[in-house]
Protein backbone atom coordinates (compact mmCIF):
# COMPACT_ATOMS: atom_id res chain seq x y z
CA MET A 1 17.18 -8.86 -0.55
CA LEU A 2 16.06 -5.53 0.92
CA GLU A 3 12.88 -3.56 0.29
CA ALA A 4 11.59 -0.26 1.63
CA LYS A 5 7.83 0.17 1.48
CA GLN A 6 6.43 3.68 1.86
CA LEU A 7 8.83 4.70 4.63
CA HIS A 8 8.02 7.81 6.66
CA GLN A 9 10.12 9.21 9.48
CA HIS A 10 9.59 12.17 11.78
CA TYR A 11 12.15 14.01 13.86
CA GLY A 12 10.16 16.11 16.27
CA SER A 13 7.83 18.18 14.12
CA SER A 14 9.95 17.64 10.99
CA HIS A 15 8.72 15.11 8.43
CA THR A 16 12.17 13.90 7.34
CA LEU A 17 11.26 10.95 5.08
CA ARG A 18 8.12 10.96 2.95
CA GLY A 19 6.87 7.69 1.50
CA ILE A 20 10.16 6.26 0.25
CA SER A 21 10.01 2.93 -1.60
CA PHE A 22 12.69 0.92 -3.41
CA ASN A 23 14.19 -2.56 -3.51
CA VAL A 24 17.69 -3.98 -3.83
CA LYS A 25 18.25 -7.38 -5.38
CA ARG A 26 21.08 -9.82 -4.76
CA GLY A 27 24.04 -8.91 -6.97
CA GLU A 28 22.74 -5.38 -7.59
CA CYS A 29 24.09 -1.98 -6.57
CA LEU A 30 21.55 0.76 -5.85
CA ALA A 31 22.95 4.30 -5.81
CA LEU A 32 21.27 6.72 -3.40
CA LEU A 33 21.87 10.29 -4.57
CA GLY A 34 20.97 13.77 -3.40
CA ARG A 35 22.33 17.02 -2.02
CA ASN A 36 23.35 17.42 1.62
CA GLY A 37 20.47 17.46 4.07
CA VAL A 38 17.85 15.73 1.92
CA GLY A 39 17.51 12.66 4.18
CA LYS A 40 20.00 10.15 2.75
CA THR A 41 21.74 9.27 6.02
CA THR A 42 18.41 9.32 7.88
CA LEU A 43 17.09 6.74 5.41
CA LEU A 44 20.12 4.50 5.89
CA LYS A 45 19.80 4.69 9.68
CA CYS A 46 16.14 3.72 9.38
CA LEU A 47 17.11 0.71 7.28
CA MET A 48 19.59 -0.37 9.98
CA GLY A 49 17.22 0.31 12.88
CA VAL A 50 19.31 3.12 14.35
CA LEU A 51 16.30 5.41 13.83
CA PRO A 52 12.68 4.25 13.96
CA VAL A 53 10.30 4.62 11.03
CA SER A 54 6.97 6.32 11.69
CA GLU A 55 5.15 4.45 8.94
CA GLY A 56 5.95 1.82 6.34
CA GLU A 57 7.96 -1.39 6.28
CA VAL A 58 11.57 -2.45 5.97
CA VAL A 59 11.62 -5.96 4.49
CA PHE A 60 14.78 -8.06 4.52
CA SER A 61 14.92 -11.53 2.93
CA GLY A 62 11.12 -11.57 2.83
CA GLN A 63 10.63 -10.67 6.51
CA THR A 64 9.46 -7.35 7.96
CA ILE A 65 12.21 -6.20 10.33
CA ASN A 66 10.80 -2.92 11.69
CA LYS A 67 10.97 -4.19 15.26
CA LEU A 68 14.49 -5.60 15.08
CA ALA A 69 17.28 -3.73 16.87
CA PRO A 70 20.42 -2.79 14.91
CA HIS A 71 22.44 -5.70 16.31
CA GLN A 72 19.67 -8.10 15.33
CA ARG A 73 19.67 -6.75 11.77
CA ALA A 74 23.44 -7.16 11.67
CA LYS A 75 23.11 -10.75 12.84
CA ALA A 76 20.45 -11.37 10.18
CA GLY A 77 22.88 -10.26 7.46
CA MET A 78 22.87 -6.47 7.12
CA ALA A 79 26.12 -4.50 7.29
CA TYR A 80 26.61 -0.75 7.50
CA VAL A 81 29.67 1.36 6.70
CA PRO A 82 28.68 4.68 8.28
CA GLN A 83 29.61 8.17 7.22
CA GLY A 84 32.72 9.14 9.17
CA ARG A 85 33.80 5.47 9.37
CA GLU A 86 33.35 5.14 13.19
CA ILE A 87 36.19 2.71 13.69
CA PHE A 88 37.45 2.06 17.23
CA ALA A 89 40.37 4.48 17.44
CA ARG A 90 42.01 2.92 20.51
CA LEU A 91 41.78 -0.65 19.22
CA THR A 92 44.29 -2.11 16.79
CA VAL A 93 43.42 -2.84 13.19
CA GLU A 94 43.23 -6.52 14.07
CA GLU A 95 40.90 -5.87 17.00
CA ASN A 96 38.67 -3.69 14.83
CA LEU A 97 38.44 -6.49 12.27
CA LEU A 98 37.60 -9.06 14.92
CA MET A 99 34.79 -6.78 16.14
CA GLY A 100 33.27 -7.08 12.68
CA MET A 101 32.69 -10.78 13.30
CA ALA A 102 30.93 -10.32 16.64
CA SER A 103 27.59 -11.43 15.18
CA LEU A 104 28.98 -14.72 13.82
CA PRO A 105 29.07 -18.05 15.68
CA SER A 106 32.07 -18.07 18.02
CA ALA A 107 33.95 -20.75 16.06
CA ARG A 108 34.00 -18.49 12.97
CA ALA A 109 34.59 -15.21 14.80
CA LYS A 110 38.24 -15.83 15.69
CA VAL A 111 39.99 -16.01 12.31
CA ILE A 112 40.17 -13.06 9.92
CA LYS A 113 39.71 -14.20 6.34
CA SER A 114 42.81 -13.78 4.22
CA GLU A 115 40.53 -12.32 1.53
CA MET A 116 40.37 -9.09 3.54
CA TYR A 117 44.11 -8.62 3.18
CA GLU A 118 43.87 -9.36 -0.53
CA LEU A 119 41.21 -6.69 -0.89
CA PHE A 120 43.03 -4.22 1.37
CA PRO A 121 46.76 -5.07 1.59
CA VAL A 122 47.49 -2.03 3.76
CA LEU A 123 45.49 -3.58 6.62
CA LYS A 124 47.87 -6.52 6.86
CA GLU A 125 50.83 -4.14 6.98
CA MET A 126 49.22 -2.18 9.83
CA LEU A 127 47.57 -5.03 11.69
CA HIS A 128 48.98 -4.03 15.07
CA ARG A 129 48.65 -0.26 14.67
CA ARG A 130 45.84 1.52 16.49
CA GLY A 131 42.92 2.45 14.28
CA GLY A 132 43.23 6.09 15.24
CA ASP A 133 46.76 6.20 13.84
CA LEU A 134 45.60 5.35 10.31
CA SER A 135 44.93 7.95 7.62
CA GLY A 136 41.33 8.72 6.68
CA GLY A 137 41.56 6.54 3.58
CA GLN A 138 43.06 3.65 5.53
CA GLN A 139 40.33 3.97 8.16
CA GLN A 140 37.73 3.79 5.40
CA GLN A 141 39.27 0.58 4.11
CA LEU A 142 39.24 -0.78 7.66
CA ALA A 143 35.57 0.13 8.09
CA ILE A 144 34.65 -1.65 4.85
CA ALA A 145 36.68 -4.75 5.73
CA ARG A 146 35.11 -4.84 9.20
CA ALA A 147 31.63 -4.78 7.64
CA LEU A 148 32.48 -7.49 5.10
CA LEU A 149 33.76 -9.81 7.83
CA ALA A 150 30.18 -10.01 9.13
CA GLU A 151 29.39 -11.98 5.94
CA PRO A 152 26.46 -9.74 4.99
CA LYS A 153 23.69 -10.36 2.51
CA VAL A 154 23.26 -6.59 2.12
CA ILE A 155 25.93 -3.94 2.68
CA ILE A 156 25.19 -0.23 2.99
CA PHE A 157 27.83 2.42 2.26
CA ASP A 158 27.26 5.99 3.47
CA GLU A 159 29.45 8.29 1.35
CA PRO A 160 32.59 6.09 1.31
CA THR A 161 34.56 8.61 -0.79
CA GLU A 162 34.06 11.59 1.54
CA GLY A 163 37.44 13.16 2.36
CA ILE A 164 39.38 10.29 0.75
CA GLN A 165 42.42 10.67 -1.50
CA PRO A 166 41.91 9.70 -5.19
CA SER A 167 44.16 6.62 -5.09
CA ILE A 168 42.10 5.06 -2.29
CA ILE A 169 38.83 6.04 -3.98
CA LYS A 170 39.96 3.85 -6.88
CA ASP A 171 40.68 0.98 -4.47
CA ILE A 172 37.23 1.33 -2.89
CA ALA A 173 35.58 1.37 -6.33
CA ARG A 174 37.49 -1.79 -7.26
CA VAL A 175 36.24 -3.58 -4.14
CA ILE A 176 32.60 -2.53 -4.59
CA LYS A 177 32.73 -3.59 -8.24
CA LEU A 178 34.15 -6.96 -7.18
CA LEU A 179 31.38 -7.42 -4.60
CA ARG A 180 28.72 -6.61 -7.18
CA GLU A 181 30.22 -9.01 -9.73
CA ARG A 182 30.46 -11.74 -7.12
CA GLY A 183 26.68 -11.56 -6.97
CA ASP A 184 26.04 -12.83 -3.44
CA MET A 185 24.91 -9.59 -1.78
CA GLY A 186 22.89 -6.47 -2.40
CA ILE A 187 24.66 -3.10 -2.21
CA ILE A 188 23.32 0.33 -1.32
CA LEU A 189 25.74 3.12 -2.16
CA CYS A 190 24.91 6.56 -0.79
CA GLU A 191 27.16 9.00 -2.64
CA GLN A 192 27.56 12.65 -3.63
CA TYR A 193 30.40 11.93 -6.07
CA PHE A 194 28.24 11.36 -9.15
CA ASP A 195 30.86 9.75 -11.43
CA PHE A 196 31.82 7.25 -8.71
CA ALA A 197 28.19 6.23 -8.20
CA LYS A 198 27.44 6.02 -11.91
CA GLU A 199 30.38 3.69 -12.50
CA LEU A 200 29.10 1.19 -9.93
CA ALA A 201 25.31 1.45 -9.95
CA ASP A 202 22.73 -0.80 -11.58
CA GLN A 203 19.81 1.28 -10.34
CA PHE A 204 19.50 4.66 -8.65
CA ILE A 205 17.15 6.84 -6.66
CA VAL A 206 17.46 10.58 -6.01
CA LEU A 207 16.15 12.17 -2.82
CA SER A 208 15.04 15.75 -2.35
CA ARG A 209 13.39 17.04 0.81
CA GLY A 210 12.90 13.54 2.10
CA GLU A 211 11.20 12.02 -0.92
CA VAL A 212 12.18 10.20 -4.10
CA VAL A 213 12.15 12.64 -7.02
CA ALA A 214 13.87 10.48 -9.64
CA SER A 215 14.73 6.81 -10.08
CA GLY A 216 15.62 4.31 -12.74
CA ALA A 217 18.32 2.23 -14.36
CA GLN A 218 21.97 3.34 -14.44
CA ARG A 219 21.76 4.33 -18.11
CA SER A 220 19.33 7.15 -17.25
CA MET A 221 21.47 8.69 -14.47
CA ASP A 222 22.84 11.31 -16.87
CA SER A 223 19.42 12.80 -17.54
CA GLU A 224 18.92 16.52 -17.01
CA ASP A 225 16.19 15.79 -14.46
CA VAL A 226 18.64 13.87 -12.27
CA LYS A 227 21.40 16.45 -12.61
CA ARG A 228 18.99 19.23 -11.69
CA HIS A 229 18.40 17.64 -8.29
CA LEU A 230 22.11 17.12 -7.66
CA ALA A 231 23.41 20.55 -8.68
CA VAL A 232 24.44 22.79 -5.79
């Protein structure tokens, strides 16, 4: 579904990404691991077109999409749940959810799927509350539901457990596991919480100083080489 081919990115004189390659298949969860400041969020923004790549290709559904703007990538079937959630604080929960369907044909962009309320019951209870009035965990659930309403082929999560209470972390893990088992989308999970990522991943890559220093199947995530690059 999504492939990165030798991606490089520069920010001023800094070489922030160095030849990163990986692919995500339909029905697979790829965990992106690494300490703070190693380039994880920069990589995700390059995949979504928020930041340009200096060299290399981003390939989605067999097509190179380097020149597509973020909204065009969203319309093509890529969804992004950013770090910090970035919901619309002054809009209601319902309005935030409707914004998630902005890239769909107008006839399908007016009705929120009942599945969202089954996945996140709290959203139905707070449908007419402003997004800014929700707790951090509830806002994270709203951000995920908003992304899913775009009917993506690939969904990208940037540290979805950051600052979230344990009970909601379990709810988020349940939803990601359900999405993976459903098998109709690829998932990229950028995460510092190792146990959370290990529970959900099929494959993983570890970044350090902007390059991939370890990768493999989920069963090898516990290796000392991987842990060495994650230890603070």
